[in-house]
Each structure stands twice: as structure tokens, then as C-alpha cells.
Amino acid sequence: MTKRHNSRVWTEVDNERLRQHIARGGSAPRAAVIFKRSQQAVRTQAGILGLKFPTIHQLRRRVAVVGRGHQRA
């Protein structure tokens, strides 16, 4: 099977933006939209950079905590 290569190379600016997105707790689906790439592409690049996206459970937990904070008055 031949490997499929994307013609778009990740630049240092892209890598820095991806680092910042992940540091803020951004998700892979959102990064895919921002970078106009597939979720697999952004996950792979994150791995190359030694980074991981938060899991769906972590994202849901964060939303739940934020939601509870707004209900208190």
C-alpha cells in the first residue's frame, strides 16, 4: 500500500498555533476546522510535537464544571 502524502506541510507557525490550541484545552475536531485538515492529521501532528489532545471525558468534565459555576448565584 502506498502512503498518501498531503501537499500541505506543517509550518512552524502552524505548529505554534497547534501548541497554543492544545494548551488552552482545545479539541481535535475544533483544531481540524481551524487548520482545515482532518482530525487524524491534527492528532498525528500533535503526537509528532509530543502533545495530546484532551479526551472526550476531560472535555465533558470541563463543560460540566463550567456549567455548574454559572448556575450558582
C-alpha atoms as a PDB file:
ATOM      1  CA  MET A   1       0.000   0.000   0.000  1.00  0.00           C
ATOM      2  CA  THR A   2       1.371   3.408  -0.937  1.00  0.00           C
ATOM      3  CA  LYS A   3       1.400   6.137   1.653  1.00  0.00           C
ATOM      4  CA  ARG A   4      -0.719   9.109   0.761  1.00  0.00           C
ATOM      5  CA  HIS A   5       1.057  12.437   1.206  1.00  0.00           C
ATOM      6  CA  ASN A   6      -0.677  15.704   1.765  1.00  0.00           C
ATOM      7  CA  SER A   7       0.817  18.584  -0.173  1.00  0.00           C
ATOM      8  CA  ARG A   8       0.356  20.916   2.796  1.00  0.00           C
ATOM      9  CA  VAL A   9       3.376  20.936   5.057  1.00  0.00           C
ATOM     10  CA  TRP A  10       3.052  21.937   8.712  1.00  0.00           C
ATOM     11  CA  THR A  11       4.907  25.210   9.224  1.00  0.00           C
ATOM     12  CA  GLU A  12       6.451  26.435  12.467  1.00  0.00           C
ATOM     13  CA  VAL A  13       3.603  28.954  12.721  1.00  0.00           C
ATOM     14  CA  ASP A  14       1.067  26.112  12.352  1.00  0.00           C
ATOM     15  CA  ASN A  15       2.917  24.089  14.984  1.00  0.00           C
ATOM     16  CA  GLU A  16       2.918  27.010  17.425  1.00  0.00           C
ATOM     17  CA  ARG A  17      -0.791  27.645  16.863  1.00  0.00           C
ATOM     18  CA  LEU A  18      -1.469  23.944  17.441  1.00  0.00           C
ATOM     19  CA  ARG A  19       0.576  24.012  20.675  1.00  0.00           C
ATOM     20  CA  GLN A  20      -1.409  27.028  21.880  1.00  0.00           C
ATOM     21  CA  HIS A  21      -4.727  25.430  20.930  1.00  0.00           C
ATOM     22  CA  ILE A  22      -3.903  22.276  22.892  1.00  0.00           C
ATOM     23  CA  ALA A  23      -2.538  24.276  25.861  1.00  0.00           C
ATOM     24  CA  ARG A  24      -5.903  26.064  26.089  1.00  0.00           C
ATOM     25  CA  GLY A  25      -7.628  22.673  26.193  1.00  0.00           C
ATOM     26  CA  GLY A  26      -8.836  22.758  22.586  1.00  0.00           C
ATOM     27  CA  SER A  27     -10.251  19.648  20.960  1.00  0.00           C
ATOM     28  CA  ALA A  28      -9.071  17.752  17.894  1.00  0.00           C
ATOM     29  CA  PRO A  29     -12.339  18.350  15.988  1.00  0.00           C
ATOM     30  CA  ARG A  30     -12.049  22.101  16.568  1.00  0.00           C
ATOM     31  CA  ALA A  31      -8.363  22.082  15.539  1.00  0.00           C
ATOM     32  CA  ALA A  32      -9.310  20.243  12.350  1.00  0.00           C
ATOM     33  CA  VAL A  33     -11.703  23.063  11.472  1.00  0.00           C
ATOM     34  CA  ILE A  34      -9.197  25.783  12.372  1.00  0.00           C
ATOM     35  CA  PHE A  35      -6.384  24.237  10.312  1.00  0.00           C
ATOM     36  CA  LYS A  36      -8.664  22.928   7.540  1.00  0.00           C
ATOM     37  CA  ARG A  37      -7.200  19.443   7.950  1.00  0.00           C
ATOM     38  CA  SER A  38      -8.569  16.099   9.046  1.00  0.00           C
ATOM     39  CA  GLN A  39      -8.825  15.171  12.717  1.00  0.00           C
ATOM     40  CA  GLN A  40      -6.300  12.426  12.088  1.00  0.00           C
ATOM     41  CA  ALA A  41      -3.862  14.945  10.593  1.00  0.00           C
ATOM     42  CA  VAL A  42      -4.031  17.243  13.618  1.00  0.00           C
ATOM     43  CA  ARG A  43      -3.793  14.309  16.036  1.00  0.00           C
ATOM     44  CA  THR A  44      -0.770  12.965  14.179  1.00  0.00           C
ATOM     45  CA  GLN A  45       0.946  16.346  14.184  1.00  0.00           C
ATOM     46  CA  ALA A  46       0.219  16.785  17.883  1.00  0.00           C
ATOM     47  CA  GLY A  47       1.861  13.409  18.506  1.00  0.00           C
ATOM     48  CA  ILE A  48       4.906  14.422  16.483  1.00  0.00           C
ATOM     49  CA  LEU A  49       5.162  17.519  18.698  1.00  0.00           C
ATOM     50  CA  GLY A  50       4.838  15.348  21.812  1.00  0.00           C
ATOM     51  CA  LEU A  51       1.387  16.711  22.667  1.00  0.00           C
ATOM     52  CA  LYS A  52      -2.004  15.139  23.295  1.00  0.00           C
ATOM     53  CA  PHE A  53      -5.491  16.498  22.908  1.00  0.00           C
ATOM     54  CA  PRO A  54      -7.778  16.217  25.925  1.00  0.00           C
ATOM     55  CA  THR A  55     -10.016  13.163  25.897  1.00  0.00           C
ATOM     56  CA  ILE A  56     -13.754  13.493  25.351  1.00  0.00           C
ATOM     57  CA  HIS A  57     -14.234  12.692  29.053  1.00  0.00           C
ATOM     58  CA  GLN A  58     -11.938  15.553  30.066  1.00  0.00           C
ATOM     59  CA  LEU A  59     -13.770  17.938  27.743  1.00  0.00           C
ATOM     60  CA  ARG A  60     -17.180  16.885  29.084  1.00  0.00           C
ATOM     61  CA  ARG A  61     -15.971  17.215  32.670  1.00  0.00           C
ATOM     62  CA  ARG A  62     -14.710  20.747  31.952  1.00  0.00           C
ATOM     63  CA  VAL A  63     -18.048  21.714  30.384  1.00  0.00           C
ATOM     64  CA  ALA A  64     -19.926  20.274  33.364  1.00  0.00           C
ATOM     65  CA  VAL A  65     -17.782  22.208  35.849  1.00  0.00           C
ATOM     66  CA  VAL A  66     -18.209  25.450  33.912  1.00  0.00           C
ATOM     67  CA  GLY A  67     -21.948  24.807  33.665  1.00  0.00           C
ATOM     68  CA  ARG A  68     -22.254  24.311  37.416  1.00  0.00           C
ATOM     69  CA  GLY A  69     -20.357  27.517  38.056  1.00  0.00           C
ATOM     70  CA  HIS A  70     -22.894  29.537  36.080  1.00  0.00           C
ATOM     71  CA  GLN A  71     -25.879  28.047  37.902  1.00  0.00           C
ATOM     72  CA  ARG A  72     -24.731  29.322  41.272  1.00  0.00           C
ATOM     73  CA  ALA A  73     -25.947  32.781  42.081  1.00  0.00           C
END
